[in-house]
C-alpha atoms as a PDB file:
ATOM      1  CA  MET A   1      51.096  43.422 -44.608  1.00  0.00           C
ATOM      2  CA  GLN A   2      51.348  43.341 -40.851  1.00  0.00           C
ATOM      3  CA  ARG A   3      51.521  40.011 -39.133  1.00  0.00           C
ATOM      4  CA  GLY A   4      50.840  39.648 -35.453  1.00  0.00           C
ATOM      5  CA  LYS A   5      50.934  36.635 -33.217  1.00  0.00           C
ATOM      6  CA  GLY A   6      47.246  35.936 -33.811  1.00  0.00           C
ATOM      7  CA  ALA A   7      47.543  35.902 -37.600  1.00  0.00           C
ATOM      8  CA  CYS A   8      50.522  33.581 -37.547  1.00  0.00           C
ATOM      9  CA  PHE A   9      48.925  31.227 -35.027  1.00  0.00           C
ATOM     10  CA  GLY A  10      45.716  31.126 -37.057  1.00  0.00           C
ATOM     11  CA  GLU A  11      47.618  30.242 -40.215  1.00  0.00           C
ATOM     12  CA  LEU A  12      49.554  27.548 -38.387  1.00  0.00           C
ATOM     13  CA  THR A  13      46.397  26.072 -36.852  1.00  0.00           C
ATOM     14  CA  ASN A  14      44.682  25.965 -40.243  1.00  0.00           C
ATOM     15  CA  TRP A  15      47.727  24.322 -41.812  1.00  0.00           C
ATOM     16  CA  ARG A  16      47.737  21.582 -39.174  1.00  0.00           C
ATOM     17  CA  VAL A  17      44.078  20.815 -39.764  1.00  0.00           C
ATOM     18  CA  VAL A  18      44.559  20.605 -43.536  1.00  0.00           C
ATOM     19  CA  TYR A  19      47.709  18.510 -43.105  1.00  0.00           C
ATOM     20  CA  LYS A  20      45.954  15.992 -40.859  1.00  0.00           C
ATOM     21  CA  GLN A  21      43.000  15.709 -43.236  1.00  0.00           C
ATOM     22  CA  ARG A  22      45.301  15.113 -46.191  1.00  0.00           C
ATOM     23  CA  ILE A  23      47.274  12.240 -44.699  1.00  0.00           C
ATOM     24  CA  MET A  24      44.770  10.357 -42.591  1.00  0.00           C
ATOM     25  CA  ILE A  25      42.276   7.887 -44.018  1.00  0.00           C
ATOM     26  CA  ALA A  26      38.918   7.453 -42.322  1.00  0.00           C
ATOM     27  CA  GLU A  27      38.548   4.140 -40.520  1.00  0.00           C
ATOM     28  CA  ASN A  28      35.811   2.912 -42.843  1.00  0.00           C
ATOM     29  CA  ASP A  29      37.717   3.745 -46.023  1.00  0.00           C
ATOM     30  CA  SER A  30      39.848   1.084 -47.616  1.00  0.00           C
ATOM     31  CA  PRO A  31      43.473   2.072 -48.161  1.00  0.00           C
ATOM     32  CA  SER A  32      44.261   3.266 -51.654  1.00  0.00           C
ATOM     33  CA  LEU A  33      47.961   2.565 -51.220  1.00  0.00           C
ATOM     34  CA  HIS A  34      49.082  -0.951 -50.361  1.00  0.00           C
ATOM     35  CA  ASN A  35      52.487  -1.785 -48.943  1.00  0.00           C
ATOM     36  CA  ARG A  36      54.769  -4.589 -47.855  1.00  0.00           C
ATOM     37  CA  LEU A  37      56.681  -2.661 -45.232  1.00  0.00           C
ATOM     38  CA  ALA A  38      55.929  -5.082 -42.402  1.00  0.00           C
ATOM     39  CA  LEU A  39      57.108  -7.996 -44.529  1.00  0.00           C
ATOM     40  CA  PHE A  40      60.409  -6.364 -45.442  1.00  0.00           C
ATOM     41  CA  ARG A  41      60.921  -5.131 -41.889  1.00  0.00           C
ATOM     42  CA  ALA A  42      60.242  -8.572 -40.377  1.00  0.00           C
ATOM     43  CA  GLU A  43      62.492 -10.273 -42.918  1.00  0.00           C
ATOM     44  CA  ARG A  44      65.383  -8.151 -41.638  1.00  0.00           C
ATOM     45  CA  SER A  45      64.414  -8.520 -37.950  1.00  0.00           C
ATOM     46  CA  MET A  46      64.052  -4.750 -37.816  1.00  0.00           C
ATOM     47  CA  SER A  47      61.837  -2.979 -35.275  1.00  0.00           C
ATOM     48  CA  ARG A  48      59.613  -0.055 -36.142  1.00  0.00           C
ATOM     49  CA  LYS A  49      61.933   2.095 -34.076  1.00  0.00           C
ATOM     50  CA  ASP A  50      64.961   0.939 -36.107  1.00  0.00           C
ATOM     51  CA  LEU A  51      63.248   1.719 -39.400  1.00  0.00           C
ATOM     52  CA  ALA A  52      62.018   5.059 -38.075  1.00  0.00           C
ATOM     53  CA  GLU A  53      65.536   6.084 -37.074  1.00  0.00           C
ATOM     54  CA  LEU A  54      66.922   5.140 -40.493  1.00  0.00           C
ATOM     55  CA  THR A  55      64.267   7.234 -42.257  1.00  0.00           C
ATOM     56  CA  GLN A  56      64.158  10.069 -39.700  1.00  0.00           C
ATOM     57  CA  VAL A  57      60.487   9.690 -38.763  1.00  0.00           C
ATOM     58  CA  ASN A  58      58.567   8.817 -35.607  1.00  0.00           C
ATOM     59  CA  PRO A  59      58.069   5.074 -34.972  1.00  0.00           C
ATOM     60  CA  GLN A  60      54.303   5.710 -34.918  1.00  0.00           C
ATOM     61  CA  THR A  61      54.580   6.836 -38.544  1.00  0.00           C
ATOM     62  CA  ILE A  62      55.916   3.405 -39.483  1.00  0.00           C
ATOM     63  CA  GLY A  63      52.926   1.812 -37.718  1.00  0.00           C
ATOM     64  CA  PHE A  64      50.495   4.092 -39.558  1.00  0.00           C
ATOM     65  CA  LEU A  65      52.162   3.227 -42.858  1.00  0.00           C
ATOM     66  CA  GLU A  66      52.029  -0.511 -42.225  1.00  0.00           C
ATOM     67  CA  ARG A  67      48.330  -0.364 -41.321  1.00  0.00           C
ATOM     68  CA  GLY A  68      47.520   1.734 -44.371  1.00  0.00           C
ATOM     69  CA  SER A  69      46.322   4.680 -42.285  1.00  0.00           C
ATOM     70  CA  TYR A  70      48.913   7.016 -43.750  1.00  0.00           C
ATOM     71  CA  GLY A  71      50.260   7.567 -47.245  1.00  0.00           C
ATOM     72  CA  PRO A  72      53.954   8.447 -47.294  1.00  0.00           C
ATOM     73  CA  SER A  73      55.395  11.473 -49.021  1.00  0.00           C
ATOM     74  CA  LEU A  74      57.487  10.804 -52.084  1.00  0.00           C
ATOM     75  CA  GLU A  75      60.596  11.550 -50.053  1.00  0.00           C
ATOM     76  CA  LEU A  76      59.667   9.036 -47.333  1.00  0.00           C
ATOM     77  CA  GLY A  77      58.723   6.393 -49.902  1.00  0.00           C
ATOM     78  CA  LEU A  78      62.113   6.768 -51.556  1.00  0.00           C
ATOM     79  CA  LYS A  79      63.919   6.652 -48.200  1.00  0.00           C
ATOM     80  CA  LEU A  80      62.110   3.451 -47.251  1.00  0.00           C
ATOM     81  CA  ALA A  81      62.944   1.850 -50.603  1.00  0.00           C
ATOM     82  CA  ALA A  82      66.592   2.826 -50.161  1.00  0.00           C
ATOM     83  CA  VAL A  83      66.744   1.261 -46.694  1.00  0.00           C
ATOM     84  CA  PHE A  84      65.592  -2.068 -48.127  1.00  0.00           C
ATOM     85  CA  GLY A  85      67.534  -1.715 -51.375  1.00  0.00           C
ATOM     86  CA  VAL A  86      64.485  -2.208 -53.583  1.00  0.00           C
ATOM     87  CA  PRO A  87      62.528  -0.076 -56.083  1.00  0.00           C
ATOM     88  CA  VAL A  88      59.715   1.914 -54.482  1.00  0.00           C
ATOM     89  CA  GLU A  89      57.111  -0.081 -56.443  1.00  0.00           C
ATOM     90  CA  THR A  90      58.315  -3.223 -54.662  1.00  0.00           C
ATOM     91  CA  LEU A  91      57.161  -1.690 -51.358  1.00  0.00           C
ATOM     92  CA  PHE A  92      54.101   0.259 -52.506  1.00  0.00           C
ATOM     93  CA  SER A  93      51.287  -0.390 -54.970  1.00  0.00           C
ATOM     94  CA  LEU A  94      47.950   1.155 -55.909  1.00  0.00           C
ATOM     95  CA  THR A  95      46.491  -2.355 -56.269  1.00  0.00           C
ATOM     96  CA  PRO A  96      46.649  -5.122 -53.662  1.00  0.00           C
ATOM     97  CA  PHE A  97      49.725  -7.327 -53.815  1.00  0.00           C
ATOM     98  CA  GLN A  98      49.284 -10.994 -54.667  1.00  0.00           C
ATOM     99  CA  PRO A  99      49.880 -13.257 -51.677  1.00  0.00           C
ATOM    100  CA  LEU A 100      53.488 -14.408 -51.515  1.00  0.00           C
ATOM    101  CA  ALA A 101      52.421 -18.046 -51.308  1.00  0.00           C
ATOM    102  CA  SER A 102      50.786 -17.806 -54.726  1.00  0.00           C
ATOM    103  CA  GLN A 103      53.901 -16.207 -56.166  1.00  0.00           C
ATOM    104  CA  LEU A 104      56.248 -18.824 -54.700  1.00  0.00           C
ATOM    105  CA  ARG A 105      54.417 -22.029 -55.614  1.00  0.00           C
ATOM    106  CA  PRO A 106      55.319 -23.624 -58.945  1.00  0.00           C
ATOM    107  CA  ARG A 107      52.917 -22.806 -61.759  1.00  0.00           C
ATOM    108  CA  GLN A 108      50.817 -25.681 -63.011  1.00  0.00           C
ATOM    109  CA  SER A 109      49.827 -26.058 -66.660  1.00  0.00           C
ATOM    110  CA  GLY A 110      46.239 -24.827 -66.036  1.00  0.00           C
ATOM    111  CA  ASP A 111      47.171 -21.768 -63.960  1.00  0.00           C
ATOM    112  CA  GLU A 112      46.542 -18.283 -65.267  1.00  0.00           C
ATOM    113  CA  ILE A 113      49.543 -16.058 -65.797  1.00  0.00           C
END
């Protein structure tokens, strides 16, 4: 099979389009993956740039992750968990996280568990 510049460029262009469609969420869609990256980052007084350098990604990627506009690859999710020293499910969840205030307040006898 002969490959010329045009064939290679066409394949690359198509790959980029598919890649962008796979990772980006439309603005009116709700995120299907929830995260606490901003919380963990703020707790450690870490900038997006700092976290990006530690995980070898662009700082904009960290912003997209925090806003829920981008779902990380398994590799990136594991790298982020390693940076913070927590299991990946502590950072990411398929269901919304409970507010920290409700987790920190003492349980009263009538509260649900």
